[in-house]
N, C-alpha and C. Protein backbone atom coordinates (compact mmCIF):
# COMPACT_ATOMS: atom_id res chain seq x y z
N UNK A 1 66.57 199.30 120.17
CA UNK A 1 67.69 198.76 120.67
C UNK A 1 67.47 198.38 121.92
N UNK A 2 68.05 197.05 122.83
CA UNK A 2 67.52 196.69 123.89
C UNK A 2 68.34 197.70 125.00
N UNK A 3 67.72 197.89 126.12
CA UNK A 3 68.75 198.75 127.16
C UNK A 3 69.20 197.45 128.55
N UNK A 4 70.55 197.79 128.89
CA UNK A 4 70.84 197.31 129.86
C UNK A 4 71.08 197.61 130.60
N UNK A 5 70.33 197.82 132.18
CA UNK A 5 70.76 198.44 133.27
C UNK A 5 71.80 197.94 134.21
N UNK A 6 72.63 199.58 134.46
CA UNK A 6 73.81 199.34 134.88
C UNK A 6 74.20 200.21 136.09
N UNK A 7 74.77 199.60 137.39
CA UNK A 7 74.91 200.96 138.63
C UNK A 7 76.60 201.21 138.30
N UNK A 8 76.59 202.47 138.23
CA UNK A 8 78.06 202.46 138.32
C UNK A 8 78.08 204.06 139.61
N UNK A 9 79.71 204.14 140.27
CA UNK A 9 79.99 205.06 140.63
C UNK A 9 80.88 206.07 140.22
N UNK A 10 80.65 207.44 140.56
CA UNK A 10 81.23 208.41 140.26
C UNK A 10 81.65 209.27 141.51
N UNK A 11 82.72 210.29 141.23
CA UNK A 11 83.22 210.62 142.43
C UNK A 11 81.95 212.43 142.61
N UNK A 12 82.12 212.63 143.66
CA UNK A 12 80.54 213.37 143.72
C UNK A 12 81.49 214.90 143.00
N UNK A 13 82.32 215.40 142.41
CA UNK A 13 82.69 216.00 141.48
C UNK A 13 81.76 215.67 139.87
N UNK A 14 82.23 214.52 139.85
CA UNK A 14 81.70 213.90 138.50
C UNK A 14 79.99 214.09 138.57
N UNK A 15 79.46 213.78 139.86
CA UNK A 15 78.20 213.90 140.07
C UNK A 15 77.66 215.16 140.09
N UNK A 16 78.47 216.09 140.39
CA UNK A 16 78.10 217.41 140.08
C UNK A 16 77.89 217.97 138.83
N UNK A 17 78.63 217.66 137.80
CA UNK A 17 79.15 217.97 136.68
C UNK A 17 77.94 217.03 136.13
N UNK A 18 77.60 215.71 136.12
CA UNK A 18 76.24 215.24 135.38
C UNK A 18 74.69 215.80 135.86
N UNK A 19 74.88 216.59 136.95
CA UNK A 19 73.55 217.04 137.47
C UNK A 19 73.47 218.43 136.17
N UNK A 20 74.66 219.24 136.60
CA UNK A 20 75.07 220.50 135.91
C UNK A 20 74.17 220.08 134.32
N UNK A 21 74.84 219.43 133.66
CA UNK A 21 74.29 218.73 132.84
C UNK A 21 73.00 218.34 132.26
N UNK A 22 71.92 218.06 132.90
CA UNK A 22 71.09 217.93 132.87
C UNK A 22 70.64 219.42 133.24
N UNK A 23 70.30 219.96 134.25
CA UNK A 23 70.00 221.43 134.80
C UNK A 23 70.08 222.58 133.60
N UNK A 24 71.11 222.49 132.78
CA UNK A 24 71.55 223.50 132.06
C UNK A 24 70.43 223.02 130.20
N UNK A 25 69.86 221.64 130.57
CA UNK A 25 69.17 221.68 129.37
C UNK A 25 69.45 220.60 127.90
N UNK A 26 71.28 220.21 128.18
CA UNK A 26 71.24 219.79 127.60
C UNK A 26 71.37 218.05 127.47
N UNK A 27 70.76 217.81 128.53
CA UNK A 27 71.14 215.83 128.64
C UNK A 27 69.06 215.97 129.49
N UNK A 28 68.85 214.91 129.22
CA UNK A 28 67.24 214.78 130.05
C UNK A 28 67.24 213.88 131.23
N UNK A 29 68.33 213.15 131.39
CA UNK A 29 69.10 212.30 132.43
C UNK A 29 70.18 211.77 132.14
N UNK A 30 70.38 211.16 133.39
CA UNK A 30 71.83 211.16 133.85
C UNK A 30 71.89 210.11 132.93
N UNK A 31 71.27 208.88 132.45
CA UNK A 31 71.78 207.95 131.18
C UNK A 31 72.33 208.73 130.65
N UNK A 32 71.55 209.75 129.64
CA UNK A 32 71.78 210.14 128.26
C UNK A 32 73.09 210.77 128.49
N UNK A 33 73.30 211.59 129.71
CA UNK A 33 74.66 212.03 129.75
C UNK A 33 76.00 210.85 129.54
N UNK A 34 75.50 209.94 130.48
CA UNK A 34 76.36 208.63 130.10
C UNK A 34 76.62 207.88 128.41
N UNK A 35 75.46 207.83 128.34
CA UNK A 35 75.62 206.82 126.84
C UNK A 35 76.40 208.39 126.19
N UNK A 36 75.73 209.64 125.90
CA UNK A 36 76.79 210.50 125.06
C UNK A 36 77.98 210.07 124.81
N UNK A 37 78.47 210.09 126.79
CA UNK A 37 80.45 209.94 127.06
C UNK A 37 80.68 208.71 126.12
N UNK A 38 79.95 207.36 126.15
CA UNK A 38 80.34 206.34 125.73
C UNK A 38 80.47 206.09 124.23
N UNK A 39 79.76 207.04 123.52
CA UNK A 39 79.96 207.57 122.34
C UNK A 39 80.39 208.31 121.38
N UNK A 40 80.94 209.29 122.20
CA UNK A 40 82.48 209.86 122.45
C UNK A 40 83.74 209.29 122.20
N UNK A 41 83.69 208.50 123.06
CA UNK A 41 84.58 207.71 123.20
C UNK A 41 85.00 206.21 122.00
N UNK A 42 83.97 206.34 121.85
CA UNK A 42 83.89 204.95 121.39
C UNK A 42 84.39 205.30 119.47
N UNK A 43 83.07 207.16 118.90
CA UNK A 43 83.51 208.04 117.83
C UNK A 43 85.55 208.20 118.58
N UNK A 44 86.07 208.23 119.00
CA UNK A 44 87.28 208.78 119.41
C UNK A 44 88.49 207.23 118.79
N UNK A 45 88.21 206.27 119.50
CA UNK A 45 88.98 205.04 119.53
C UNK A 45 88.74 204.99 118.05
N UNK A 46 88.00 204.95 117.04
CA UNK A 46 87.01 204.91 115.47
C UNK A 46 88.71 205.35 114.69
N UNK A 47 88.42 207.21 115.66
CA UNK A 47 89.34 207.88 114.31
C UNK A 47 90.48 207.21 115.10
N UNK A 48 91.02 207.16 115.83
CA UNK A 48 91.99 206.48 116.37
C UNK A 48 92.97 205.48 115.62
N UNK A 49 92.00 204.48 115.54
CA UNK A 49 92.98 203.00 114.10
C UNK A 49 92.08 203.60 112.77
N UNK A 50 91.81 204.62 112.78
CA UNK A 50 92.21 205.06 111.18
C UNK A 50 93.32 206.24 111.19
N UNK A 51 93.35 206.88 111.60
CA UNK A 51 95.02 207.75 111.80
C UNK A 51 95.99 206.39 111.96
N UNK A 52 95.81 205.51 113.01
CA UNK A 52 96.99 205.00 113.04
C UNK A 52 96.90 204.18 111.80
N UNK A 53 96.06 203.52 110.77
CA UNK A 53 96.22 203.04 109.34
C UNK A 53 96.99 204.17 109.18
N UNK A 54 96.58 205.15 108.58
CA UNK A 54 96.60 206.35 107.81
C UNK A 54 98.68 206.45 107.95
N UNK A 55 98.37 206.33 108.78
CA UNK A 55 100.25 206.28 109.28
C UNK A 55 101.11 205.33 109.24
N UNK A 56 100.26 204.02 109.48
CA UNK A 56 101.19 202.86 108.76
C UNK A 56 101.35 202.94 106.92
N UNK A 57 99.58 203.56 105.91
CA UNK A 57 100.12 203.45 105.29
C UNK A 57 101.20 204.57 104.70
N UNK A 58 101.51 205.45 105.16
CA UNK A 58 102.29 206.72 104.57
C UNK A 58 103.62 205.52 105.23
N UNK A 59 103.93 205.03 106.01
CA UNK A 59 105.52 205.12 106.16
C UNK A 59 106.19 203.95 105.31
N UNK A 60 104.75 203.03 104.82
CA UNK A 60 104.68 201.74 103.79
C UNK A 60 105.20 202.23 102.67
N UNK A 61 104.61 203.57 101.66
CA UNK A 61 104.55 204.46 100.63
C UNK A 61 105.91 204.90 101.43
N UNK A 62 106.43 205.63 101.63
CA UNK A 62 107.98 206.42 102.16
C UNK A 62 108.84 205.29 102.27
N UNK A 63 108.82 204.02 102.84
CA UNK A 63 109.58 202.90 102.42
C UNK A 63 109.86 202.54 100.66
N UNK A 64 108.70 202.68 100.35
CA UNK A 64 109.13 201.72 98.76
C UNK A 64 109.39 203.02 98.27
N UNK A 65 109.01 204.36 98.60
CA UNK A 65 109.61 205.34 97.40
C UNK A 65 111.21 205.63 98.07
N UNK A 66 111.58 204.79 98.70
CA UNK A 66 113.39 204.39 98.66
C UNK A 66 114.33 205.92 99.07
N UNK A 67 115.08 206.45 98.37
CA UNK A 67 116.17 207.08 99.83
C UNK A 67 116.03 208.30 98.42
N UNK A 68 115.88 209.48 99.21
CA UNK A 68 116.12 210.82 98.24
C UNK A 68 116.92 211.42 97.91
N UNK A 69 117.27 212.56 97.48
CA UNK A 69 117.78 214.02 97.23
C UNK A 69 117.73 215.01 98.04
N UNK A 70 116.85 215.00 98.73
CA UNK A 70 116.30 216.04 99.26
C UNK A 70 117.50 216.24 100.46
N UNK A 71 117.63 218.04 101.32
CA UNK A 71 118.09 218.08 102.06
C UNK A 71 116.94 218.54 103.74
N UNK A 72 117.40 217.88 104.84
CA UNK A 72 116.59 218.10 105.43
C UNK A 72 115.82 219.52 105.55
N UNK A 73 116.41 221.15 105.45
CA UNK A 73 115.45 221.75 105.09
C UNK A 73 114.89 221.88 104.11
N UNK A 74 114.68 221.02 102.63
CA UNK A 74 114.16 221.36 101.78
C UNK A 74 112.64 220.89 102.08
N UNK A 75 113.02 219.77 102.74
CA UNK A 75 111.82 218.63 103.04
C UNK A 75 111.11 219.35 103.70
N UNK A 76 111.70 220.29 105.08
CA UNK A 76 110.74 221.12 105.93
C UNK A 76 109.73 222.18 105.28
N UNK A 77 110.62 222.97 104.30
CA UNK A 77 110.18 224.06 103.71
C UNK A 77 109.16 223.43 102.78
N UNK A 78 109.19 222.10 102.10
CA UNK A 78 107.72 221.81 101.29
C UNK A 78 107.33 220.96 102.44
N UNK A 79 106.77 220.25 103.32
CA UNK A 79 105.95 220.16 103.97
C UNK A 79 105.40 221.84 104.99
N UNK A 80 106.00 221.99 104.63
CA UNK A 80 105.49 223.82 105.58
C UNK A 80 104.55 224.26 104.28
N UNK A 81 104.67 224.26 103.24
CA UNK A 81 104.18 224.91 102.18
C UNK A 81 103.41 224.05 101.92
N UNK A 82 102.83 223.07 101.74
CA UNK A 82 101.52 221.86 101.95
C UNK A 82 100.81 222.01 102.91
N UNK A 83 101.44 222.48 104.51
CA UNK A 83 100.88 222.61 105.27
C UNK A 83 99.78 224.14 105.08
N UNK A 84 100.14 224.91 104.62
CA UNK A 84 100.47 226.15 104.34
C UNK A 84 99.12 226.22 103.43
N UNK A 85 99.00 225.62 102.33
CA UNK A 85 98.08 225.10 101.40
C UNK A 85 96.98 224.66 101.79
N UNK A 86 96.79 223.72 102.54
CA UNK A 86 95.39 222.58 102.84
C UNK A 86 95.22 223.52 103.82
N UNK A 87 95.48 224.67 104.93
CA UNK A 87 94.89 224.98 105.45
C UNK A 87 94.26 226.82 105.56
N UNK A 88 94.51 226.76 103.81
CA UNK A 88 94.61 228.15 103.10
C UNK A 88 93.21 228.58 102.47
């Protein structure tokens, strides 16, 4: 992959954190730290897009299913039970 040289400015506190990351052995140099932060942000943005799409699909599915006859308490109880089963 082709590398492009960039010049960036950071605060003193950020510079200290970057140096700490290198000294702790997590990274070999400042560029590695910055590239990792960019990769993490890119992944987060992709995950967010996926979550938005999943919510959008769930809303569409809910709209298509029509109205139900369950009370709010019944719906919450059912949702809590499903959550417990997911995390068990």
